[in-house]
Amino acid sequence: MSNEIELMVSVRRQGEKGVKRRGDVITCRQSGGSWGSAELKVHQVVTWPGNNASEIELQSAALILAILKKKKEWGEPNPTVDFPFCEVVTEPVENDEGVQINSANGEPVFQTLITNRSVLHFDFDALPESETDDVFDPEVEANFLAADDLTIYIEERGIDKREPSERGRKEHRDITTPNPILHADTALRRDQTTDIQEFLSRKVEPLDSWST
């Protein structure tokens, strides 16, 4: 399975408090897919899982490949999985005073949000300067990098990266449920599915626009 997936990785430094960080995975395609020139200039493609991948990386890569294959079978010409390693929480909606909002029948209103865009995280600092110059230059399409050449971090539980004002009165929130990433019975991404097996079993008619 070595390097069968191309990960689009953010290289813009955006701080540790926000959801977006340098080194986070934004989207992915199977190797040989098509990327836009602008994407290749402002982000970095990393081929993954590599020859020294951990067991959880291999399991997650197999799951992503299954989704990409299914999308291809459905007729999508250049399938992707967006935010494949994001973490999500479902929480009650609060007003500006921190008071929980209820629906007309008195039931709490809930929302599902990304709290950590990527628990799979890459560090580019070990690369020689000759390579990082291209990686961080927003005008250059840098060569693809192999995951084996980078430092990889996998967060077992993500810490809420949103600004406190975006998460009500809760200044910090650890994810206390089992890691909702890389598992077949939970969400790969917030807007795709909460049940991967159900997603893979769907019958989908190809869109006419996919064939044009």
N, C-alpha and C. Protein backbone atom coordinates (compact mmCIF):
# COMPACT_ATOMS: atom_id res chain seq x y z
N MET A 1 0.82 -1.20 0.00
CA MET A 1 0.00 0.00 0.00
C MET A 1 0.86 1.27 0.00
N SER A 2 2.16 1.12 -0.05
CA SER A 2 3.04 2.27 0.12
C SER A 2 2.75 3.38 -0.88
N ASN A 3 2.51 4.59 -0.34
CA ASN A 3 2.35 5.80 -1.14
C ASN A 3 1.26 5.70 -2.20
N GLU A 4 0.16 5.04 -1.88
CA GLU A 4 -0.95 4.94 -2.82
C GLU A 4 -1.87 6.15 -2.77
N ILE A 5 -1.72 6.98 -1.76
CA ILE A 5 -2.61 8.12 -1.57
C ILE A 5 -1.80 9.41 -1.57
N GLU A 6 -2.37 10.43 -2.21
CA GLU A 6 -1.74 11.75 -2.21
C GLU A 6 -2.54 12.65 -1.27
N LEU A 7 -1.88 13.14 -0.23
CA LEU A 7 -2.51 14.03 0.74
C LEU A 7 -2.16 15.47 0.42
N MET A 8 -3.15 16.35 0.38
CA MET A 8 -2.89 17.78 0.24
C MET A 8 -2.75 18.36 1.64
N VAL A 9 -1.55 18.85 1.95
CA VAL A 9 -1.21 19.27 3.30
C VAL A 9 -1.02 20.78 3.34
N SER A 10 -1.59 21.42 4.34
CA SER A 10 -1.44 22.87 4.51
C SER A 10 0.00 23.20 4.93
N VAL A 11 0.57 24.24 4.34
CA VAL A 11 1.91 24.68 4.73
C VAL A 11 1.89 26.12 5.24
N ARG A 12 0.70 26.69 5.38
CA ARG A 12 0.60 28.06 5.90
C ARG A 12 0.49 28.04 7.41
N ARG A 13 1.37 28.77 8.06
CA ARG A 13 1.36 28.80 9.53
C ARG A 13 0.19 29.65 10.00
N GLN A 14 -0.69 29.05 10.79
CA GLN A 14 -1.89 29.75 11.21
C GLN A 14 -2.11 29.69 12.72
N GLY A 15 -1.08 29.32 13.44
CA GLY A 15 -1.18 29.31 14.89
C GLY A 15 -1.77 28.03 15.43
N GLU A 16 -1.65 27.86 16.74
CA GLU A 16 -2.11 26.63 17.39
C GLU A 16 -3.51 26.74 17.97
N LYS A 17 -4.06 27.95 18.05
CA LYS A 17 -5.38 28.11 18.66
C LYS A 17 -6.50 27.82 17.66
N GLY A 18 -6.28 28.13 16.39
CA GLY A 18 -7.31 27.94 15.39
C GLY A 18 -7.38 26.50 14.92
N VAL A 19 -8.43 26.21 14.16
CA VAL A 19 -8.58 24.86 13.62
C VAL A 19 -7.49 24.57 12.60
N LYS A 20 -7.08 25.59 11.84
CA LYS A 20 -6.12 25.38 10.76
C LYS A 20 -4.69 25.51 11.28
N ARG A 21 -3.86 24.53 10.93
CA ARG A 21 -2.46 24.56 11.33
C ARG A 21 -1.59 24.13 10.15
N ARG A 22 -0.35 24.58 10.12
CA ARG A 22 0.60 24.06 9.14
C ARG A 22 0.83 22.58 9.43
N GLY A 23 0.77 21.78 8.37
CA GLY A 23 0.99 20.35 8.53
C GLY A 23 -0.27 19.52 8.58
N ASP A 24 -1.44 20.17 8.61
CA ASP A 24 -2.71 19.44 8.64
C ASP A 24 -3.11 18.98 7.24
N VAL A 25 -3.81 17.86 7.16
CA VAL A 25 -4.28 17.31 5.89
C VAL A 25 -5.62 17.96 5.53
N ILE A 26 -5.69 18.50 4.33
CA ILE A 26 -6.90 19.19 3.87
C ILE A 26 -7.81 18.24 3.09
N THR A 27 -7.22 17.53 2.14
CA THR A 27 -7.99 16.60 1.30
C THR A 27 -7.03 15.55 0.77
N CYS A 28 -7.56 14.53 0.08
CA CYS A 28 -6.68 13.49 -0.45
C CYS A 28 -7.29 12.86 -1.70
N ARG A 29 -6.42 12.31 -2.51
CA ARG A 29 -6.80 11.58 -3.72
C ARG A 29 -5.93 10.34 -3.83
N GLN A 30 -6.37 9.40 -4.64
CA GLN A 30 -5.51 8.27 -4.96
C GLN A 30 -4.39 8.76 -5.86
N SER A 31 -3.22 8.16 -5.74
CA SER A 31 -2.07 8.57 -6.56
C SER A 31 -2.44 8.58 -8.03
N GLY A 32 -1.97 9.61 -8.72
CA GLY A 32 -2.28 9.74 -10.13
C GLY A 32 -3.47 10.62 -10.41
N GLY A 33 -4.13 11.12 -9.35
CA GLY A 33 -5.25 12.03 -9.52
C GLY A 33 -4.78 13.38 -10.03
N SER A 34 -5.72 14.26 -10.30
CA SER A 34 -5.41 15.57 -10.88
C SER A 34 -5.54 16.66 -9.82
N TRP A 35 -4.48 17.48 -9.69
CA TRP A 35 -4.49 18.62 -8.78
C TRP A 35 -4.45 19.91 -9.58
N GLY A 36 -5.03 20.96 -9.07
CA GLY A 36 -4.97 22.26 -9.72
C GLY A 36 -3.65 22.96 -9.45
N SER A 37 -3.23 23.81 -10.37
CA SER A 37 -1.96 24.51 -10.22
C SER A 37 -1.93 25.38 -8.98
N ALA A 38 -3.04 26.07 -8.70
CA ALA A 38 -3.08 26.94 -7.52
C ALA A 38 -2.94 26.11 -6.24
N GLU A 39 -3.59 24.94 -6.20
CA GLU A 39 -3.48 24.07 -5.03
C GLU A 39 -2.03 23.67 -4.80
N LEU A 40 -1.35 23.30 -5.89
CA LEU A 40 0.02 22.81 -5.77
C LEU A 40 0.99 23.91 -5.34
N LYS A 41 0.64 25.16 -5.58
CA LYS A 41 1.51 26.26 -5.19
C LYS A 41 1.35 26.63 -3.72
N VAL A 42 0.12 26.65 -3.24
CA VAL A 42 -0.12 27.15 -1.87
C VAL A 42 -0.14 26.03 -0.83
N HIS A 43 -0.23 24.78 -1.27
CA HIS A 43 -0.20 23.65 -0.34
C HIS A 43 0.88 22.68 -0.80
N GLN A 44 1.01 21.55 -0.10
CA GLN A 44 2.04 20.57 -0.43
C GLN A 44 1.42 19.18 -0.51
N VAL A 45 1.74 18.46 -1.58
CA VAL A 45 1.28 17.08 -1.72
C VAL A 45 2.29 16.14 -1.05
N VAL A 46 1.77 15.27 -0.20
CA VAL A 46 2.59 14.26 0.48
C VAL A 46 2.05 12.89 0.11
N THR A 47 2.91 12.03 -0.43
CA THR A 47 2.48 10.67 -0.76
C THR A 47 2.54 9.82 0.51
N TRP A 48 1.52 8.99 0.69
CA TRP A 48 1.30 8.33 1.98
C TRP A 48 0.55 7.01 1.74
N PRO A 49 0.67 6.00 2.58
CA PRO A 49 1.20 6.01 3.94
C PRO A 49 2.68 5.75 4.09
N GLY A 50 3.40 5.42 3.03
CA GLY A 50 4.84 5.23 3.14
C GLY A 50 5.23 3.82 3.55
N ASN A 51 6.54 3.59 3.57
CA ASN A 51 7.07 2.25 3.85
C ASN A 51 7.15 1.95 5.34
N ASN A 52 7.14 2.99 6.17
CA ASN A 52 7.29 2.80 7.61
C ASN A 52 6.02 3.20 8.36
N ALA A 53 4.88 3.02 7.72
CA ALA A 53 3.62 3.46 8.31
C ALA A 53 3.25 2.63 9.53
N SER A 54 2.58 3.29 10.47
CA SER A 54 2.07 2.60 11.65
C SER A 54 0.83 1.80 11.28
N GLU A 55 0.39 0.94 12.18
CA GLU A 55 -0.79 0.12 11.91
C GLU A 55 -2.03 0.99 11.72
N ILE A 56 -2.18 2.05 12.52
CA ILE A 56 -3.35 2.89 12.38
C ILE A 56 -3.33 3.66 11.06
N GLU A 57 -2.13 3.99 10.58
CA GLU A 57 -2.04 4.63 9.26
C GLU A 57 -2.46 3.67 8.17
N LEU A 58 -2.02 2.43 8.25
CA LEU A 58 -2.37 1.44 7.23
C LEU A 58 -3.87 1.17 7.24
N GLN A 59 -4.47 1.10 8.43
CA GLN A 59 -5.90 0.87 8.52
C GLN A 59 -6.68 2.05 7.94
N SER A 60 -6.24 3.26 8.25
CA SER A 60 -6.95 4.43 7.74
C SER A 60 -6.76 4.58 6.24
N ALA A 61 -5.57 4.23 5.74
CA ALA A 61 -5.33 4.30 4.30
C ALA A 61 -6.24 3.32 3.56
N ALA A 62 -6.41 2.12 4.11
CA ALA A 62 -7.30 1.13 3.48
C ALA A 62 -8.73 1.65 3.44
N LEU A 63 -9.16 2.33 4.50
CA LEU A 63 -10.51 2.87 4.55
C LEU A 63 -10.69 3.99 3.52
N ILE A 64 -9.71 4.87 3.44
CA ILE A 64 -9.77 5.96 2.46
C ILE A 64 -9.77 5.42 1.04
N LEU A 65 -8.93 4.43 0.78
CA LEU A 65 -8.90 3.84 -0.57
C LEU A 65 -10.24 3.21 -0.92
N ALA A 66 -10.91 2.60 0.07
CA ALA A 66 -12.22 2.00 -0.19
C ALA A 66 -13.23 3.07 -0.58
N ILE A 67 -13.18 4.22 0.09
CA ILE A 67 -14.10 5.32 -0.22
C ILE A 67 -13.80 5.89 -1.60
N LEU A 68 -12.52 6.10 -1.90
CA LEU A 68 -12.14 6.64 -3.21
C LEU A 68 -12.54 5.67 -4.33
N LYS A 69 -12.34 4.37 -4.10
CA LYS A 69 -12.73 3.37 -5.11
C LYS A 69 -14.23 3.41 -5.33
N LYS A 70 -15.00 3.52 -4.24
CA LYS A 70 -16.46 3.55 -4.37
C LYS A 70 -16.90 4.78 -5.14
N LYS A 71 -16.31 5.93 -4.85
CA LYS A 71 -16.65 7.15 -5.58
C LYS A 71 -16.32 7.01 -7.07
N LYS A 72 -15.21 6.34 -7.37
CA LYS A 72 -14.83 6.11 -8.77
C LYS A 72 -15.87 5.21 -9.44
N GLU A 73 -16.33 4.18 -8.74
CA GLU A 73 -17.35 3.29 -9.28
C GLU A 73 -18.65 4.04 -9.55
N TRP A 74 -18.93 5.06 -8.74
CA TRP A 74 -20.13 5.86 -8.91
C TRP A 74 -20.01 6.83 -10.08
N GLY A 75 -18.83 6.94 -10.67
CA GLY A 75 -18.66 7.80 -11.83
C GLY A 75 -17.94 9.10 -11.57
N GLU A 76 -17.53 9.35 -10.33
CA GLU A 76 -16.79 10.58 -10.03
C GLU A 76 -15.41 10.48 -10.65
N PRO A 77 -15.04 11.39 -11.54
CA PRO A 77 -13.81 11.21 -12.33
C PRO A 77 -12.52 11.46 -11.56
N ASN A 78 -12.55 12.29 -10.53
CA ASN A 78 -11.33 12.64 -9.80
C ASN A 78 -11.66 12.69 -8.30
N PRO A 79 -12.04 11.53 -7.74
CA PRO A 79 -12.60 11.52 -6.38
C PRO A 79 -11.63 11.98 -5.30
N THR A 80 -12.19 12.61 -4.28
CA THR A 80 -11.42 13.07 -3.13
C THR A 80 -12.15 12.71 -1.85
N VAL A 81 -11.43 12.72 -0.76
CA VAL A 81 -12.01 12.70 0.58
C VAL A 81 -11.48 13.95 1.28
N ASP A 82 -12.38 14.87 1.59
CA ASP A 82 -12.00 16.12 2.23
C ASP A 82 -11.92 15.96 3.75
N PHE A 83 -10.94 16.63 4.35
CA PHE A 83 -10.74 16.58 5.81
C PHE A 83 -10.84 15.14 6.32
N PRO A 84 -10.01 14.22 5.80
CA PRO A 84 -10.16 12.80 6.15
C PRO A 84 -9.81 12.49 7.59
N PHE A 85 -9.10 13.39 8.27
CA PHE A 85 -8.69 13.11 9.64
C PHE A 85 -9.22 14.14 10.63
N CYS A 86 -10.31 14.81 10.26
CA CYS A 86 -10.88 15.81 11.17
C CYS A 86 -11.55 15.14 12.36
N GLU A 87 -11.69 15.90 13.43
CA GLU A 87 -12.48 15.46 14.57
C GLU A 87 -13.68 16.37 14.70
N VAL A 88 -14.79 15.78 15.11
CA VAL A 88 -16.03 16.54 15.23
C VAL A 88 -16.63 16.35 16.61
N VAL A 89 -17.39 17.35 17.04
CA VAL A 89 -18.19 17.21 18.26
C VAL A 89 -19.61 17.62 17.94
N THR A 90 -20.57 17.00 18.61
CA THR A 90 -21.96 17.41 18.54
C THR A 90 -22.29 18.02 19.89
N GLU A 91 -22.69 19.29 19.88
CA GLU A 91 -22.88 20.01 21.13
C GLU A 91 -24.13 20.87 21.07
N PRO A 92 -24.71 21.22 22.23
CA PRO A 92 -25.87 22.10 22.23
C PRO A 92 -25.50 23.51 21.79
N VAL A 93 -26.40 24.16 21.08
CA VAL A 93 -26.19 25.53 20.63
C VAL A 93 -26.49 26.49 21.79
N GLU A 94 -25.60 27.47 21.99
CA GLU A 94 -25.78 28.45 23.06
C GLU A 94 -25.87 29.84 22.46
N ASN A 95 -26.58 30.75 23.14
CA ASN A 95 -26.63 32.14 22.68
C ASN A 95 -25.42 32.91 23.20
N ASP A 96 -25.37 34.21 22.95
CA ASP A 96 -24.21 35.01 23.33
C ASP A 96 -23.97 35.03 24.83
N GLU A 97 -24.99 34.76 25.61
CA GLU A 97 -24.85 34.74 27.07
C GLU A 97 -24.49 33.35 27.60
N GLY A 98 -24.30 32.41 26.68
CA GLY A 98 -23.96 31.06 27.10
C GLY A 98 -25.15 30.23 27.54
N VAL A 99 -26.36 30.69 27.21
CA VAL A 99 -27.56 29.95 27.58
C VAL A 99 -27.95 29.02 26.44
N GLN A 100 -28.26 27.76 26.78
CA GLN A 100 -28.61 26.77 25.76
C GLN A 100 -29.89 27.15 25.04
N ILE A 101 -29.90 27.00 23.72
CA ILE A 101 -31.06 27.32 22.90
C ILE A 101 -31.89 26.06 22.69
N ASN A 102 -33.20 26.18 22.86
CA ASN A 102 -34.11 25.05 22.66
C ASN A 102 -35.00 25.29 21.45
N SER A 103 -35.51 24.21 20.88
CA SER A 103 -36.44 24.29 19.76
C SER A 103 -37.83 24.64 20.27
N ALA A 104 -38.79 24.77 19.36
CA ALA A 104 -40.16 25.14 19.73
C ALA A 104 -40.79 24.14 20.68
N ASN A 105 -40.41 22.87 20.59
CA ASN A 105 -40.99 21.85 21.47
C ASN A 105 -40.18 21.66 22.75
N GLY A 106 -39.19 22.56 22.97
CA GLY A 106 -38.43 22.52 24.21
C GLY A 106 -37.21 21.64 24.20
N GLU A 107 -36.95 20.97 23.07
CA GLU A 107 -35.78 20.10 22.97
C GLU A 107 -34.53 20.93 22.67
N PRO A 108 -33.37 20.57 23.22
CA PRO A 108 -32.14 21.31 22.93
C PRO A 108 -31.79 21.24 21.45
N VAL A 109 -31.26 22.33 20.92
CA VAL A 109 -30.80 22.38 19.53
C VAL A 109 -29.31 22.04 19.53
N PHE A 110 -28.90 21.08 18.70
CA PHE A 110 -27.51 20.63 18.64
C PHE A 110 -26.89 21.01 17.30
N GLN A 111 -25.58 21.15 17.30
CA GLN A 111 -24.83 21.40 16.07
C GLN A 111 -23.59 20.51 16.06
N THR A 112 -23.16 20.13 14.87
CA THR A 112 -21.95 19.31 14.71
C THR A 112 -20.87 20.16 14.07
N LEU A 113 -19.71 20.22 14.71
CA LEU A 113 -18.63 21.11 14.27
C LEU A 113 -17.30 20.38 14.24
N ILE A 114 -16.44 20.80 13.33
CA ILE A 114 -15.05 20.35 13.36
C ILE A 114 -14.35 21.06 14.50
N THR A 115 -13.66 20.31 15.35
CA THR A 115 -12.87 20.94 16.40
C THR A 115 -11.37 20.76 16.17
N ASN A 116 -10.99 19.83 15.33
CA ASN A 116 -9.59 19.62 15.02
C ASN A 116 -9.53 19.11 13.58
N ARG A 117 -8.96 19.92 12.68
CA ARG A 117 -9.06 19.59 11.27
C ARG A 117 -8.31 18.32 10.90
N SER A 118 -7.23 18.00 11.60
CA SER A 118 -6.47 16.83 11.21
C SER A 118 -5.70 16.27 12.40
N VAL A 119 -6.00 15.01 12.77
CA VAL A 119 -5.21 14.37 13.82
C VAL A 119 -3.94 13.75 13.24
N LEU A 120 -3.86 13.63 11.92
CA LEU A 120 -2.61 13.24 11.25
C LEU A 120 -1.91 14.53 10.84
N HIS A 121 -0.71 14.72 11.33
CA HIS A 121 -0.04 16.01 11.22
C HIS A 121 1.40 15.80 10.76
N PHE A 122 1.87 16.64 9.82
CA PHE A 122 3.22 16.52 9.27
C PHE A 122 4.08 17.71 9.67
N ASP A 123 5.35 17.42 9.98
CA ASP A 123 6.33 18.46 10.31
C ASP A 123 7.39 18.46 9.22
N PHE A 124 7.61 19.64 8.61
CA PHE A 124 8.54 19.76 7.48
C PHE A 124 9.94 20.18 7.91
N ASP A 125 10.16 20.39 9.21
CA ASP A 125 11.41 21.00 9.67
C ASP A 125 12.64 20.14 9.40
N ALA A 126 12.47 18.84 9.26
CA ALA A 126 13.62 17.96 9.03
C ALA A 126 14.12 18.00 7.60
N LEU A 127 13.37 18.63 6.70
CA LEU A 127 13.78 18.69 5.30
C LEU A 127 14.96 19.65 5.13
N PRO A 128 15.83 19.40 4.15
CA PRO A 128 16.91 20.36 3.87
C PRO A 128 16.33 21.67 3.35
N GLU A 129 17.04 22.75 3.58
CA GLU A 129 16.56 24.08 3.19
C GLU A 129 16.26 24.17 1.70
N SER A 130 17.03 23.43 0.89
CA SER A 130 16.83 23.46 -0.55
C SER A 130 15.43 22.98 -0.93
N GLU A 131 14.84 22.12 -0.11
CA GLU A 131 13.48 21.63 -0.38
C GLU A 131 12.43 22.52 0.26
N THR A 132 12.68 22.97 1.48
CA THR A 132 11.66 23.78 2.16
C THR A 132 11.46 25.12 1.47
N ASP A 133 12.48 25.64 0.79
CA ASP A 133 12.31 26.90 0.05
C ASP A 133 11.16 26.78 -0.94
N ASP A 134 11.11 25.66 -1.67
CA ASP A 134 10.03 25.45 -2.64
C ASP A 134 8.70 25.14 -1.94
N VAL A 135 8.76 24.36 -0.86
CA VAL A 135 7.54 23.98 -0.14
C VAL A 135 6.79 25.21 0.34
N PHE A 136 7.51 26.18 0.89
CA PHE A 136 6.86 27.33 1.51
C PHE A 136 6.71 28.54 0.58
N ASP A 137 7.16 28.42 -0.67
CA ASP A 137 7.02 29.51 -1.63
C ASP A 137 5.66 29.38 -2.32
N PRO A 138 4.74 30.33 -2.11
CA PRO A 138 3.39 30.22 -2.68
C PRO A 138 3.33 30.41 -4.19
N GLU A 139 4.48 30.65 -4.83
CA GLU A 139 4.52 30.82 -6.28
C GLU A 139 5.12 29.61 -6.98
N VAL A 140 5.49 28.59 -6.22
CA VAL A 140 6.19 27.44 -6.78
C VAL A 140 5.39 26.17 -6.56
N GLU A 141 5.27 25.34 -7.60
CA GLU A 141 4.70 24.00 -7.46
C GLU A 141 5.81 23.07 -7.00
N ALA A 142 5.91 22.82 -5.72
CA ALA A 142 6.98 22.00 -5.18
C ALA A 142 6.79 20.54 -5.57
N ASN A 143 7.90 19.81 -5.65
CA ASN A 143 7.82 18.37 -5.91
C ASN A 143 7.05 17.68 -4.78
N PHE A 144 6.38 16.60 -5.12
CA PHE A 144 5.69 15.83 -4.09
C PHE A 144 6.71 15.30 -3.08
N LEU A 145 6.32 15.24 -1.82
CA LEU A 145 7.17 14.70 -0.77
C LEU A 145 6.62 13.36 -0.30
N ALA A 146 7.51 12.47 0.12
CA ALA A 146 7.09 11.17 0.65
C ALA A 146 6.92 11.28 2.16
N ALA A 147 5.90 10.63 2.68
CA ALA A 147 5.64 10.66 4.11
C ALA A 147 6.85 10.18 4.91
N ASP A 148 7.61 9.24 4.35
CA ASP A 148 8.78 8.72 5.05
C ASP A 148 9.85 9.77 5.28
N ASP A 149 9.83 10.84 4.50
CA ASP A 149 10.85 11.89 4.63
C ASP A 149 10.45 12.98 5.60
N LEU A 150 9.25 12.88 6.18
CA LEU A 150 8.75 13.89 7.09
C LEU A 150 8.51 13.30 8.47
N THR A 151 8.41 14.16 9.45
CA THR A 151 8.05 13.72 10.80
C THR A 151 6.53 13.69 10.90
N ILE A 152 5.98 12.56 11.34
CA ILE A 152 4.52 12.38 11.41
C ILE A 152 4.09 12.32 12.86
N TYR A 153 3.04 13.07 13.16
CA TYR A 153 2.42 13.01 14.48
C TYR A 153 0.97 12.56 14.33
N ILE A 154 0.53 11.67 15.19
CA ILE A 154 -0.86 11.26 15.23
C ILE A 154 -1.39 11.54 16.63
N GLU A 155 -2.39 12.39 16.71
CA GLU A 155 -2.95 12.76 17.99
C GLU A 155 -4.05 11.76 18.37
N GLU A 156 -3.89 11.10 19.50
CA GLU A 156 -4.88 10.11 19.91
C GLU A 156 -6.22 10.77 20.22
N ARG A 157 -6.16 11.92 20.85
CA ARG A 157 -7.36 12.72 21.11
C ARG A 157 -7.04 14.15 20.75
N GLY A 158 -7.88 14.74 19.94
CA GLY A 158 -7.63 16.12 19.54
C GLY A 158 -8.07 17.09 20.62
N ILE A 159 -7.36 18.20 20.74
CA ILE A 159 -7.76 19.28 21.63
C ILE A 159 -8.51 20.31 20.79
N ASP A 160 -9.58 20.83 21.35
CA ASP A 160 -10.40 21.79 20.63
C ASP A 160 -9.55 22.98 20.21
N LYS A 161 -9.42 23.20 18.91
CA LYS A 161 -8.54 24.25 18.39
C LYS A 161 -9.27 25.55 18.10
N ARG A 162 -10.58 25.59 18.33
CA ARG A 162 -11.30 26.81 18.02
C ARG A 162 -11.01 27.90 19.04
N GLU A 163 -11.19 29.14 18.64
CA GLU A 163 -11.09 30.24 19.58
C GLU A 163 -12.19 30.09 20.63
N PRO A 164 -11.91 30.48 21.88
CA PRO A 164 -12.94 30.33 22.93
C PRO A 164 -14.28 30.94 22.56
N SER A 165 -14.26 32.07 21.85
CA SER A 165 -15.52 32.71 21.47
C SER A 165 -16.35 31.85 20.52
N GLU A 166 -15.73 30.89 19.86
CA GLU A 166 -16.42 30.04 18.90
C GLU A 166 -16.90 28.75 19.55
N ARG A 167 -16.61 28.55 20.82
CA ARG A 167 -17.06 27.34 21.49
C ARG A 167 -17.75 27.66 22.81
N GLY A 168 -18.50 28.75 22.81
CA GLY A 168 -19.28 29.12 23.98
C GLY A 168 -18.39 29.41 25.17
N ARG A 169 -18.80 28.96 26.33
CA ARG A 169 -18.05 29.24 27.56
C ARG A 169 -16.98 28.20 27.82
N LYS A 170 -16.86 27.21 26.97
CA LYS A 170 -15.92 26.12 27.20
C LYS A 170 -14.56 26.49 26.61
N GLU A 171 -13.63 26.93 27.44
CA GLU A 171 -12.33 27.37 26.95
C GLU A 171 -11.51 26.20 26.43
N HIS A 172 -11.70 25.02 26.99
CA HIS A 172 -10.97 23.84 26.53
C HIS A 172 -11.93 22.66 26.53
N ARG A 173 -11.83 21.84 25.53
CA ARG A 173 -12.66 20.63 25.50
C ARG A 173 -11.85 19.49 24.90
N ASP A 174 -11.49 18.53 25.73
CA ASP A 174 -10.87 17.33 25.20
C ASP A 174 -11.95 16.48 24.54
N ILE A 175 -11.57 15.75 23.50
CA ILE A 175 -12.47 14.78 22.91
C ILE A 175 -12.47 13.56 23.82
N THR A 176 -13.56 13.29 24.49
CA THR A 176 -13.59 12.22 25.49
C THR A 176 -14.10 10.91 24.93
N THR A 177 -14.76 10.95 23.77
CA THR A 177 -15.19 9.71 23.15
C THR A 177 -14.02 9.11 22.38
N PRO A 178 -14.09 7.82 22.02
CA PRO A 178 -13.00 7.23 21.25
C PRO A 178 -12.73 8.04 19.99
N ASN A 179 -11.48 8.07 19.57
CA ASN A 179 -11.07 8.85 18.41
C ASN A 179 -12.03 8.62 17.25
N PRO A 180 -12.76 9.65 16.81
CA PRO A 180 -13.77 9.43 15.76
C PRO A 180 -13.19 9.41 14.35
N ILE A 181 -11.89 9.27 14.24
CA ILE A 181 -11.23 9.27 12.95
C ILE A 181 -10.67 7.88 12.68
N LEU A 182 -10.65 7.48 11.45
CA LEU A 182 -10.01 6.26 11.00
C LEU A 182 -10.76 4.99 11.42
N HIS A 183 -12.02 5.12 11.82
CA HIS A 183 -12.79 3.96 12.23
C HIS A 183 -14.01 3.80 11.34
N ALA A 184 -14.33 2.57 11.00
CA ALA A 184 -15.39 2.33 10.01
C ALA A 184 -16.77 2.68 10.51
N ASP A 185 -16.97 2.77 11.83
CA ASP A 185 -18.33 3.00 12.33
C ASP A 185 -18.55 4.44 12.78
N THR A 186 -17.61 5.33 12.47
CA THR A 186 -17.78 6.72 12.87
C THR A 186 -17.38 7.65 11.72
N ALA A 187 -17.45 8.94 11.95
CA ALA A 187 -17.34 9.91 10.86
C ALA A 187 -15.92 10.05 10.36
N LEU A 188 -15.77 9.99 9.04
CA LEU A 188 -14.50 10.37 8.42
C LEU A 188 -14.49 11.87 8.21
N ARG A 189 -15.63 12.44 7.90
CA ARG A 189 -15.73 13.88 7.70
C ARG A 189 -17.13 14.31 8.06
N ARG A 190 -17.26 15.55 8.48
CA ARG A 190 -18.52 15.98 9.07
C ARG A 190 -19.70 15.96 8.10
N ASP A 191 -19.46 16.19 6.80
CA ASP A 191 -20.58 16.34 5.88
C ASP A 191 -20.74 15.16 4.95
N GLN A 192 -20.04 14.07 5.21
CA GLN A 192 -20.11 12.95 4.28
C GLN A 192 -20.96 11.81 4.85
N THR A 193 -20.60 11.32 5.99
CA THR A 193 -21.33 10.19 6.56
C THR A 193 -20.88 9.98 7.99
N THR A 194 -21.75 9.42 8.80
CA THR A 194 -21.34 9.00 10.13
C THR A 194 -21.26 7.48 10.22
N ASP A 195 -21.42 6.81 9.11
CA ASP A 195 -21.36 5.35 9.08
C ASP A 195 -20.71 4.95 7.77
N ILE A 196 -19.45 4.63 7.80
CA ILE A 196 -18.70 4.36 6.58
C ILE A 196 -19.25 3.12 5.86
N GLN A 197 -19.64 2.11 6.63
CA GLN A 197 -20.18 0.91 5.99
C GLN A 197 -21.47 1.23 5.24
N GLU A 198 -22.30 2.09 5.84
CA GLU A 198 -23.52 2.50 5.16
C GLU A 198 -23.18 3.29 3.89
N PHE A 199 -22.18 4.16 3.98
CA PHE A 199 -21.75 4.95 2.83
C PHE A 199 -21.29 4.04 1.68
N LEU A 200 -20.50 3.03 2.01
CA LEU A 200 -19.97 2.14 0.98
C LEU A 200 -21.06 1.26 0.36
N SER A 201 -22.17 1.07 1.06
CA SER A 201 -23.24 0.22 0.55
C SER A 201 -24.26 0.98 -0.30
N ARG A 202 -24.12 2.30 -0.40
CA ARG A 202 -25.10 3.10 -1.13
C ARG A 202 -25.08 2.79 -2.63
N LYS A 203 -26.27 2.95 -3.25
CA LYS A 203 -26.38 2.87 -4.70
C LYS A 203 -26.49 4.30 -5.22
N VAL A 204 -25.57 4.70 -6.06
CA VAL A 204 -25.54 6.08 -6.54
C VAL A 204 -25.49 6.08 -8.06
N GLU A 205 -26.37 6.85 -8.68
CA GLU A 205 -26.35 7.01 -10.12
C GLU A 205 -25.36 8.11 -10.49
N PRO A 206 -24.47 7.86 -11.45
CA PRO A 206 -23.50 8.89 -11.86
C PRO A 206 -24.19 10.17 -12.30
N LEU A 207 -23.62 11.30 -11.90
CA LEU A 207 -24.16 12.58 -12.34
C LEU A 207 -23.78 12.84 -13.79
N ASP A 208 -24.68 13.46 -14.56
CA ASP A 208 -24.40 13.76 -15.96
C ASP A 208 -23.16 14.66 -16.07
N SER A 209 -22.98 15.56 -15.10
CA SER A 209 -21.85 16.50 -15.18
C SER A 209 -20.51 15.79 -15.04
N TRP A 210 -20.49 14.59 -14.44
CA TRP A 210 -19.23 13.89 -14.28
C TRP A 210 -18.70 13.37 -15.62
N SER A 211 -19.60 13.19 -16.59
CA SER A 211 -19.17 12.62 -17.88
C SER A 211 -18.84 13.68 -18.91
N THR A 212 -18.95 14.97 -18.52
CA THR A 212 -18.66 16.04 -19.47
C THR A 212 -17.30 16.65 -19.23
